[in-house]
Amino acid sequence: MKNTTELSLLLKKYLTKRIDKEEYEILFLQLSELSNDELKKIVQQELGSVDADPDLADELIDQRLLRIYSKINSTIADKSVASISSGSDKPSTGVFRTWSWIAAAASILLVCGLFFLNRSEKADIHPGLVQRSNDVHPAVSAATLTFENGKKINLDTAVTGVIYEEKGFRIVKSKDGQISYEYDNQHEIETKTNIIETPKAAYTMVVLPDGSKVHLNAMSSIRYPVTFRGDKREVTLVGEGFFEVVKNSAQPFIVHTEGQDVEVLGTTFNINTYDAKKGSKPHW
């Protein structure tokens, strides 16, 4: 990675609101050119700076990486508008590169436990879905998997590897806590529903049956079938989730929420349905 000292300095200036316009442009140009590993390293360095710079500890917890998340959300919104306005189904190379970086950055921030809710800035990610504030600060990977028969598995204490198995499929937990599904024959699987929900101050990531990924924020839940059949891929979200949807024009992906349904063919977006006053407690 080139100019790591300069990049770190610019990032610190940005996070502490001391960056000027020219430096701002340079910073995000450099960030967009980083690989996933390099970006993760930069984020980890910023985390480590808390101990080295105690005067900035509160700013980090309450604002610094929150603004990175807000910037990612704002960029997604800008790209969504640009894509819709152009009317083109084939994004340019530059746009594709930006989208790839946005998805990677959001994933890395979440994995690091920094998927903060936007309390001080509003970033509308999808038209019609209002981003609401909340005081939840995800810090650890934790969630509960509930089956249709009521059985529950505590995912943060479950062992790595196969955590559940029945005819036709297995549910697997990776070393980093990601939940995914492995199939022998999806056509033999009974149509059943699973629910994953996160408690306060936690997050998790699940790979859905079609390969789409959902980064689930604190006090949130997602309900989905163990296999997608028919002409639609439908899930139901309560709270907040960042989606990386596998493209399939023959089977649209639909996210049902209390206020609105969002339908896409394949893209990356965030949905926030938190209740500003009461929080967003999963309920079915």
Protein backbone atom coordinates (compact mmCIF):
# COMPACT_ATOMS: atom_id res chain seq x y z
CA MET A 1 0.00 0.00 0.00
CA LYS A 2 1.40 3.41 -0.92
CA ASN A 3 1.46 6.52 1.29
CA THR A 4 0.03 4.76 4.33
CA THR A 5 1.10 7.61 6.60
CA GLU A 6 -0.66 10.18 4.42
CA LEU A 7 -3.78 8.02 4.17
CA SER A 8 -3.93 7.49 7.93
CA LEU A 9 -3.51 11.22 8.52
CA LEU A 10 -6.26 12.09 6.04
CA LEU A 11 -8.58 9.50 7.57
CA LYS A 12 -7.97 10.89 11.06
CA LYS A 13 -8.65 14.42 9.77
CA TYR A 14 -11.89 13.24 8.19
CA LEU A 15 -13.05 11.42 11.30
CA THR A 16 -12.31 14.43 13.50
CA LYS A 17 -13.95 16.92 11.09
CA ARG A 18 -10.71 18.76 10.28
CA ILE A 19 -10.40 17.83 6.60
CA ASP A 20 -10.66 20.35 3.76
CA LYS A 21 -12.31 19.77 0.38
CA GLU A 22 -9.10 18.91 -1.50
CA GLU A 23 -7.98 16.47 1.18
CA TYR A 24 -11.47 14.96 1.22
CA GLU A 25 -11.29 14.16 -2.51
CA ILE A 26 -7.80 12.68 -2.15
CA LEU A 27 -8.87 10.53 0.80
CA PHE A 28 -11.81 8.84 -0.88
CA LEU A 29 -9.89 8.42 -4.12
CA GLN A 30 -7.19 6.55 -2.21
CA LEU A 31 -9.72 4.51 -0.25
CA SER A 32 -11.43 3.43 -3.48
CA GLU A 33 -8.12 2.04 -4.75
CA LEU A 34 -7.47 -0.17 -1.74
CA SER A 35 -7.90 -3.91 -1.75
CA ASN A 36 -10.22 -5.51 0.79
CA ASP A 37 -7.27 -6.54 2.98
CA GLU A 38 -5.72 -3.08 2.83
CA LEU A 39 -9.01 -1.43 3.73
CA LYS A 40 -9.46 -3.81 6.65
CA LYS A 41 -5.95 -3.00 7.86
CA ILE A 42 -6.69 0.72 7.80
CA VAL A 43 -9.87 0.19 9.83
CA GLN A 44 -8.00 -1.96 12.35
CA GLN A 45 -5.34 0.74 12.69
CA GLU A 46 -8.04 3.28 13.46
CA LEU A 47 -9.43 0.95 16.12
CA GLY A 48 -6.00 0.64 17.66
CA SER A 49 -5.63 4.40 17.80
CA VAL A 50 -8.18 4.58 20.62
CA ASP A 51 -5.68 3.39 23.20
CA ALA A 52 -2.93 5.54 21.76
CA ASP A 53 -5.09 8.66 21.69
CA PRO A 54 -7.48 8.58 24.68
CA ASP A 55 -8.74 12.08 23.96
CA LEU A 56 -10.38 10.72 20.83
CA ALA A 57 -11.92 7.63 22.44
CA ASP A 58 -15.40 9.08 22.85
CA GLU A 59 -15.26 10.58 19.37
CA LEU A 60 -14.40 7.16 17.93
CA ILE A 61 -17.15 5.37 19.79
CA ASP A 62 -19.84 7.91 19.02
CA GLN A 63 -18.87 9.51 15.74
CA ARG A 64 -15.70 8.52 13.88
CA LEU A 65 -16.52 5.22 12.21
CA LEU A 66 -20.18 6.09 12.30
CA ARG A 67 -19.41 8.77 9.73
CA ILE A 68 -17.61 6.24 7.52
CA TYR A 69 -20.75 4.09 7.59
CA SER A 70 -22.87 7.15 6.83
CA LYS A 71 -20.57 8.02 3.92
CA ILE A 72 -20.92 4.50 2.53
CA ASN A 73 -24.70 4.75 2.79
CA SER A 74 -24.73 8.17 1.13
CA THR A 75 -22.56 6.90 -1.71
CA ILE A 76 -24.89 3.95 -2.25
CA ALA A 77 -27.80 6.38 -2.44
CA ASP A 78 -25.95 8.57 -4.96
CA LYS A 79 -25.09 5.59 -7.13
CA SER A 80 -28.68 4.34 -6.95
CA VAL A 81 -29.96 7.67 -8.25
CA ALA A 82 -27.30 7.78 -10.96
CA SER A 83 -28.12 4.25 -12.09
CA ILE A 84 -31.85 4.95 -12.21
CA SER A 85 -31.33 8.23 -14.05
CA SER A 86 -29.11 6.69 -16.70
CA GLY A 87 -31.62 3.95 -17.47
CA SER A 88 -28.77 1.61 -18.34
CA ASP A 89 -28.66 -2.00 -17.22
CA LYS A 90 -24.89 -2.09 -17.70
CA PRO A 91 -23.00 0.08 -15.22
CA SER A 92 -19.72 1.61 -16.29
CA THR A 93 -16.44 0.16 -15.05
CA GLY A 94 -16.01 3.09 -12.67
CA VAL A 95 -19.44 2.63 -11.15
CA PHE A 96 -18.89 -1.12 -10.81
CA ARG A 97 -15.58 -0.51 -9.06
CA THR A 98 -17.22 1.93 -6.65
CA TRP A 99 -20.07 -0.49 -5.89
CA SER A 100 -17.55 -3.26 -5.22
CA TRP A 101 -15.65 -1.05 -2.80
CA ILE A 102 -18.85 0.04 -1.04
CA ALA A 103 -19.90 -3.56 -0.45
CA ALA A 104 -16.44 -4.54 0.76
CA ALA A 105 -16.16 -1.52 3.06
CA ALA A 106 -19.56 -2.11 4.62
CA SER A 107 -18.75 -5.78 5.15
CA ILE A 108 -15.43 -5.00 6.78
CA LEU A 109 -16.94 -2.41 9.10
CA LEU A 110 -19.59 -4.89 10.13
CA VAL A 111 -17.12 -7.71 10.73
CA CYS A 112 -15.08 -5.34 12.91
CA GLY A 113 -18.16 -4.69 15.01
CA LEU A 114 -18.56 -1.13 13.71
CA PHE A 115 -21.88 -1.32 11.94
CA PHE A 116 -23.16 1.66 13.94
CA LEU A 117 -26.63 3.10 13.48
CA ASN A 118 -26.71 6.57 11.98
CA ARG A 119 -27.77 8.73 14.93
CA SER A 120 -26.60 12.14 13.76
CA GLU A 121 -26.89 11.98 9.98
CA LYS A 122 -29.63 10.67 7.70
CA ALA A 123 -28.75 8.55 4.67
CA ASP A 124 -31.71 7.31 2.65
CA ILE A 125 -30.54 4.12 1.02
CA HIS A 126 -33.68 3.05 -0.76
CA PRO A 127 -36.49 5.39 -1.83
CA GLY A 128 -39.39 5.22 0.61
CA LEU A 129 -37.46 3.60 3.45
CA VAL A 130 -36.64 6.10 6.17
CA GLN A 131 -33.41 5.71 8.08
CA ARG A 132 -34.27 6.24 11.74
CA SER A 133 -31.88 6.81 14.61
CA ASN A 134 -31.26 4.46 17.50
CA ASP A 135 -28.80 4.14 20.38
CA VAL A 136 -27.67 0.59 19.69
CA HIS A 137 -23.91 0.02 19.30
CA PRO A 138 -23.13 -3.43 17.85
CA ALA A 139 -19.88 -4.78 19.22
CA VAL A 140 -19.97 -8.59 19.10
CA SER A 141 -21.14 -11.31 16.76
CA ALA A 142 -24.15 -12.97 18.34
CA ALA A 143 -27.52 -14.27 17.15
CA THR A 144 -30.20 -16.90 17.62
CA LEU A 145 -31.45 -19.24 14.91
CA THR A 146 -35.08 -20.31 15.32
CA PHE A 147 -36.64 -23.18 13.37
CA GLU A 148 -40.25 -23.55 12.30
CA ASN A 149 -40.88 -26.08 15.09
CA GLY A 150 -39.68 -23.60 17.72
CA LYS A 151 -36.25 -25.13 18.28
CA LYS A 152 -33.50 -22.54 18.85
CA ILE A 153 -29.73 -22.53 18.42
CA ASN A 154 -27.51 -19.92 20.07
CA LEU A 155 -25.17 -19.13 17.18
CA ASP A 156 -22.44 -17.34 19.14
CA THR A 157 -21.87 -20.40 21.35
CA ALA A 158 -22.40 -23.02 18.64
CA VAL A 159 -19.31 -24.91 17.51
CA THR A 160 -17.70 -24.23 14.14
CA GLY A 161 -18.87 -26.54 11.38
CA VAL A 162 -22.24 -28.23 10.90
CA ILE A 163 -24.65 -26.94 13.56
CA TYR A 164 -27.83 -28.51 12.15
CA GLU A 165 -28.67 -31.16 9.59
CA GLU A 166 -31.75 -32.78 8.14
CA LYS A 167 -32.72 -34.43 4.87
CA GLY A 168 -31.32 -32.52 1.92
CA PHE A 169 -29.34 -29.76 3.65
CA ARG A 170 -27.01 -28.67 6.44
CA ILE A 171 -26.51 -25.38 8.25
CA VAL A 172 -22.85 -24.50 8.71
CA LYS A 173 -21.08 -21.97 10.91
CA SER A 174 -17.73 -20.68 9.67
CA LYS A 175 -14.78 -19.68 11.86
CA ASP A 176 -15.76 -16.02 11.63
CA GLY A 177 -19.34 -16.76 12.69
CA GLN A 178 -20.98 -16.62 9.26
CA ILE A 179 -24.00 -18.89 8.79
CA SER A 180 -24.58 -20.62 5.45
CA TYR A 181 -26.52 -23.52 3.94
CA GLU A 182 -25.17 -26.57 2.11
CA TYR A 183 -27.45 -28.73 -0.02
CA ASP A 184 -27.55 -32.27 -1.34
CA ASN A 185 -30.69 -31.78 -3.41
CA GLN A 186 -32.81 -28.65 -2.94
CA HIS A 187 -35.77 -30.25 -4.71
CA GLU A 188 -36.09 -32.82 -1.91
CA ILE A 189 -36.18 -30.24 0.87
CA GLU A 190 -39.44 -29.43 2.61
CA THR A 191 -40.45 -25.79 2.43
CA LYS A 192 -39.62 -24.51 5.90
CA THR A 193 -38.82 -21.14 7.41
CA ASN A 194 -35.86 -20.10 9.55
CA ILE A 195 -35.49 -16.92 11.60
CA ILE A 196 -32.21 -15.34 12.66
CA GLU A 197 -32.34 -12.53 15.21
CA THR A 198 -29.69 -10.49 16.98
CA PRO A 199 -29.84 -9.13 20.53
CA LYS A 200 -28.83 -5.64 21.62
CA ALA A 201 -25.18 -4.74 21.00
CA ALA A 202 -24.61 -7.56 18.51
CA TYR A 203 -24.58 -8.37 14.80
CA THR A 204 -24.33 -11.38 12.50
CA MET A 205 -24.07 -12.35 8.85
CA VAL A 206 -26.01 -15.07 7.05
CA VAL A 207 -25.63 -16.46 3.54
CA LEU A 208 -29.12 -17.16 2.23
CA PRO A 209 -30.01 -20.27 0.17
CA ASP A 210 -29.35 -18.42 -3.13
CA GLY A 211 -25.93 -17.17 -2.02
CA SER A 212 -27.10 -13.65 -1.18
CA LYS A 213 -25.58 -12.21 1.99
CA VAL A 214 -27.32 -10.33 4.79
CA HIS A 215 -25.40 -8.39 7.42
CA LEU A 216 -27.87 -8.13 10.28
CA ASN A 217 -27.56 -5.27 12.75
CA ALA A 218 -28.40 -5.25 16.48
CA MET A 219 -31.96 -5.94 17.66
CA SER A 220 -32.91 -7.06 14.16
CA SER A 221 -34.26 -10.24 12.61
CA ILE A 222 -34.73 -11.84 9.22
CA ARG A 223 -37.15 -14.60 8.27
CA TYR A 224 -36.44 -16.66 5.15
CA PRO A 225 -37.15 -20.10 3.63
CA VAL A 226 -34.48 -22.81 3.72
CA THR A 227 -34.76 -22.91 -0.08
CA PHE A 228 -36.11 -20.40 -2.58
CA ARG A 229 -38.74 -21.87 -4.89
CA GLY A 230 -41.13 -20.43 -7.43
CA ASP A 231 -40.59 -17.16 -9.25
CA LYS A 232 -39.58 -15.04 -6.23
CA ARG A 233 -37.00 -14.95 -3.46
CA GLU A 234 -38.81 -13.51 -0.45
CA VAL A 235 -37.52 -12.60 3.02
CA THR A 236 -38.93 -10.49 5.85
CA LEU A 237 -36.81 -8.00 7.79
CA VAL A 238 -37.34 -6.29 11.13
CA GLY A 239 -34.71 -3.74 12.16
CA GLU A 240 -31.70 -3.12 9.94
CA GLY A 241 -29.81 -5.20 7.41
CA PHE A 242 -27.22 -4.67 4.68
CA PHE A 243 -27.99 -6.88 1.65
CA GLU A 244 -25.67 -8.21 -1.06
CA VAL A 245 -28.15 -9.84 -3.43
CA VAL A 246 -27.05 -12.37 -6.05
CA LYS A 247 -28.42 -11.33 -9.43
CA ASN A 248 -31.20 -13.49 -10.85
CA SER A 249 -33.52 -11.73 -13.30
CA ALA A 250 -35.80 -14.78 -13.42
CA GLN A 251 -36.33 -14.75 -9.66
CA PRO A 252 -36.62 -11.25 -8.14
CA PHE A 253 -35.45 -10.75 -4.56
CA ILE A 254 -38.09 -9.18 -2.30
CA VAL A 255 -37.54 -7.81 1.20
CA HIS A 256 -40.77 -7.39 3.14
CA THR A 257 -40.78 -4.80 5.92
CA GLU A 258 -43.53 -3.38 8.10
CA GLY A 259 -43.73 -0.21 6.04
CA GLN A 260 -42.80 -1.26 2.52
CA ASP A 261 -41.62 -4.06 0.25
CA VAL A 262 -38.37 -3.68 -1.67
CA GLU A 263 -37.88 -5.69 -4.88
CA VAL A 264 -34.55 -6.01 -6.71
CA LEU A 265 -32.98 -8.41 -9.19
CA GLY A 266 -29.48 -8.23 -7.78
CA THR A 267 -27.70 -5.33 -6.07
CA THR A 268 -26.27 -4.03 -2.79
CA PHE A 269 -28.36 -1.91 -0.43
CA ASN A 270 -29.19 -1.15 3.19
CA ILE A 271 -32.63 -1.17 4.83
CA ASN A 272 -33.33 0.41 8.20
CA THR A 273 -36.75 0.03 9.83
CA TYR A 274 -35.85 0.85 13.42
CA ASP A 275 -38.46 2.54 15.57
CA ALA A 276 -36.90 5.78 16.76
CA LYS A 277 -38.61 5.67 20.16
CA LYS A 278 -38.86 2.03 21.06
CA GLY A 279 -36.00 0.49 19.10
CA SER A 280 -36.67 -2.47 16.85
CA LYS A 281 -37.47 -5.61 18.77
CA PRO A 282 -37.88 -8.66 16.52
CA HIS A 283 -41.39 -10.03 16.62
CA TRP A 284 -43.25 -12.61 14.53
